[in-house]
């Protein structure tokens, strides 16, 4: 099973893709947000088609106590819209708790010697990779 994970941000969408066996997650370049969400969703659909994904995992940024704040509510809503877009592309959409994925990704990039400026452009896809690996491991 091939999976794609998305870390939905205001300016960028972090992206990760699993290997063909569904065991390992790998970062992909971010998708820059456009003015229209429909354009973002078409870019995601193109990626789903390109990699042959069966499922898209959308990060749900719950608060540390597990409650849904505005960001989690927005991500949940966008995942419903995205599910409709992807119906014709053979991929389902799931949400998955992404608490601390950005923190984990920042720490990993810092430990790898990336300066703060370099991390800014990579942290979204690194967070999506952490999210996807956690989702894969939970299965």
Protein backbone atom coordinates (compact mmCIF):
# COMPACT_ATOMS: atom_id res chain seq x y z
CA UNK A 1 0.00 0.00 0.00
CA UNK A 2 1.37 3.38 -1.00
CA UNK A 3 0.51 6.31 1.27
CA UNK A 4 0.96 10.07 1.13
CA UNK A 5 1.01 12.24 4.25
CA UNK A 6 0.19 15.93 4.36
CA UNK A 7 1.09 18.52 6.97
CA UNK A 8 -1.36 21.29 6.08
CA UNK A 9 0.16 24.68 6.78
CA UNK A 10 -0.95 28.19 5.97
CA UNK A 11 1.86 28.83 3.46
CA UNK A 12 3.10 25.33 2.61
CA UNK A 13 1.87 21.77 2.64
CA UNK A 14 4.48 19.36 3.90
CA UNK A 15 4.50 16.11 1.93
CA UNK A 16 5.81 12.62 2.58
CA UNK A 17 5.35 9.39 0.62
CA UNK A 18 5.74 5.80 1.71
CA UNK A 19 7.71 3.18 -0.14
CA UNK A 20 5.78 0.59 -2.15
CA UNK A 21 5.73 -1.83 0.79
CA UNK A 22 4.16 0.71 3.15
CA UNK A 23 6.97 0.42 5.69
CA UNK A 24 9.10 3.55 5.28
CA UNK A 25 8.25 7.24 4.90
CA UNK A 26 10.27 9.64 2.78
CA UNK A 27 9.99 13.44 2.48
CA UNK A 28 8.93 15.08 -0.77
CA UNK A 29 9.14 18.76 -1.69
CA UNK A 30 6.49 20.96 -0.12
CA UNK A 31 3.52 22.19 -2.08
CA UNK A 32 3.34 25.98 -1.92
CA UNK A 33 -0.14 27.13 -0.97
CA UNK A 34 -2.01 29.00 -3.68
CA UNK A 35 -4.80 31.53 -3.36
CA UNK A 36 -7.45 28.94 -4.16
CA UNK A 37 -7.59 25.73 -2.11
CA UNK A 38 -8.89 23.95 -5.22
CA UNK A 39 -5.50 24.49 -6.86
CA UNK A 40 -3.80 22.95 -3.81
CA UNK A 41 -6.15 19.97 -4.00
CA UNK A 42 -5.45 19.49 -7.71
CA UNK A 43 -1.70 19.46 -6.95
CA UNK A 44 -2.31 16.83 -4.28
CA UNK A 45 -4.45 14.78 -6.70
CA UNK A 46 -1.63 14.96 -9.25
CA UNK A 47 0.80 13.67 -6.62
CA UNK A 48 -1.59 10.84 -5.67
CA UNK A 49 -1.78 9.84 -9.32
CA UNK A 50 2.00 10.13 -9.79
CA UNK A 51 2.88 7.81 -6.89
CA UNK A 52 -0.20 5.58 -7.11
CA UNK A 53 -1.28 6.30 -3.54
CA UNK A 54 -4.09 4.33 -1.95
CA UNK A 55 -4.47 6.62 1.06
CA UNK A 56 -3.73 10.22 2.00
CA UNK A 57 -3.04 10.82 5.67
CA UNK A 58 -3.79 14.37 6.80
CA UNK A 59 -2.17 15.54 10.01
CA UNK A 60 -4.65 16.63 12.67
CA UNK A 61 -2.92 19.21 14.91
CA UNK A 62 -4.66 18.47 18.20
CA UNK A 63 -3.71 20.44 21.29
CA UNK A 64 -1.48 18.67 23.81
CA UNK A 65 -4.52 17.70 25.87
CA UNK A 66 -6.16 16.15 22.79
CA UNK A 67 -8.74 18.85 22.10
CA UNK A 68 -9.48 20.28 18.66
CA UNK A 69 -8.55 23.91 18.31
CA UNK A 70 -9.03 26.11 15.25
CA UNK A 71 -6.12 24.52 13.32
CA UNK A 72 -7.40 20.98 13.91
CA UNK A 73 -10.93 22.00 12.94
CA UNK A 74 -9.61 23.58 9.73
CA UNK A 75 -7.52 20.48 8.91
CA UNK A 76 -10.50 18.18 9.53
CA UNK A 77 -12.68 20.31 7.26
CA UNK A 78 -10.06 20.43 4.52
CA UNK A 79 -9.61 16.65 4.73
CA UNK A 80 -13.35 16.18 4.03
CA UNK A 81 -13.13 18.43 0.97
CA UNK A 82 -9.95 16.67 -0.14
CA UNK A 83 -11.66 13.27 0.20
CA UNK A 84 -14.30 14.40 -2.29
CA UNK A 85 -11.61 15.56 -4.72
CA UNK A 86 -9.70 12.28 -4.44
CA UNK A 87 -12.73 9.99 -4.89
CA UNK A 88 -12.00 9.74 -8.60
CA UNK A 89 -8.31 9.09 -8.01
CA UNK A 90 -8.67 5.85 -6.04
CA UNK A 91 -7.35 7.21 -2.74
CA UNK A 92 -9.10 7.51 0.59
CA UNK A 93 -8.33 10.23 3.15
CA UNK A 94 -7.66 9.67 6.84
CA UNK A 95 -6.73 12.07 9.60
CA UNK A 96 -4.05 11.17 12.13
CA UNK A 97 -2.87 12.89 15.31
CA UNK A 98 0.17 14.97 14.48
CA UNK A 99 0.98 16.31 17.94
CA UNK A 100 4.68 17.09 18.27
CA UNK A 101 5.58 16.11 14.68
CA UNK A 102 6.93 19.59 13.93
CA UNK A 103 8.89 19.63 17.18
CA UNK A 104 10.34 16.20 16.38
CA UNK A 105 11.17 17.27 12.81
CA UNK A 106 12.84 20.51 14.00
CA UNK A 107 14.95 18.57 16.48
CA UNK A 108 16.01 16.02 13.85
CA UNK A 109 16.94 18.70 11.35
CA UNK A 110 18.85 20.60 14.03
CA UNK A 111 20.70 17.45 15.05
CA UNK A 112 21.60 16.91 11.40
CA UNK A 113 23.35 20.28 11.42
CA UNK A 114 20.76 22.27 9.49
CA UNK A 115 20.72 25.96 10.39
CA UNK A 116 17.40 27.59 11.32
CA UNK A 117 17.11 29.25 7.91
CA UNK A 118 17.60 25.91 6.11
CA UNK A 119 15.14 24.15 8.43
CA UNK A 120 12.33 26.58 7.63
CA UNK A 121 11.93 25.26 4.10
CA UNK A 122 12.28 21.61 5.09
CA UNK A 123 10.46 21.29 8.38
CA UNK A 124 6.99 20.89 6.84
CA UNK A 125 7.95 17.85 4.78
CA UNK A 126 10.05 16.51 7.65
CA UNK A 127 6.97 16.81 9.90
CA UNK A 128 4.89 15.02 7.26
CA UNK A 129 7.52 12.27 7.23
CA UNK A 130 7.34 11.88 11.02
CA UNK A 131 3.54 11.81 10.75
CA UNK A 132 3.54 9.20 8.00
CA UNK A 133 6.06 6.98 9.75
CA UNK A 134 3.94 7.08 12.94
CA UNK A 135 0.84 6.20 10.89
CA UNK A 136 2.64 3.33 9.14
CA UNK A 137 3.99 2.02 12.45
CA UNK A 138 0.51 2.10 13.99
CA UNK A 139 -0.87 -0.23 11.31
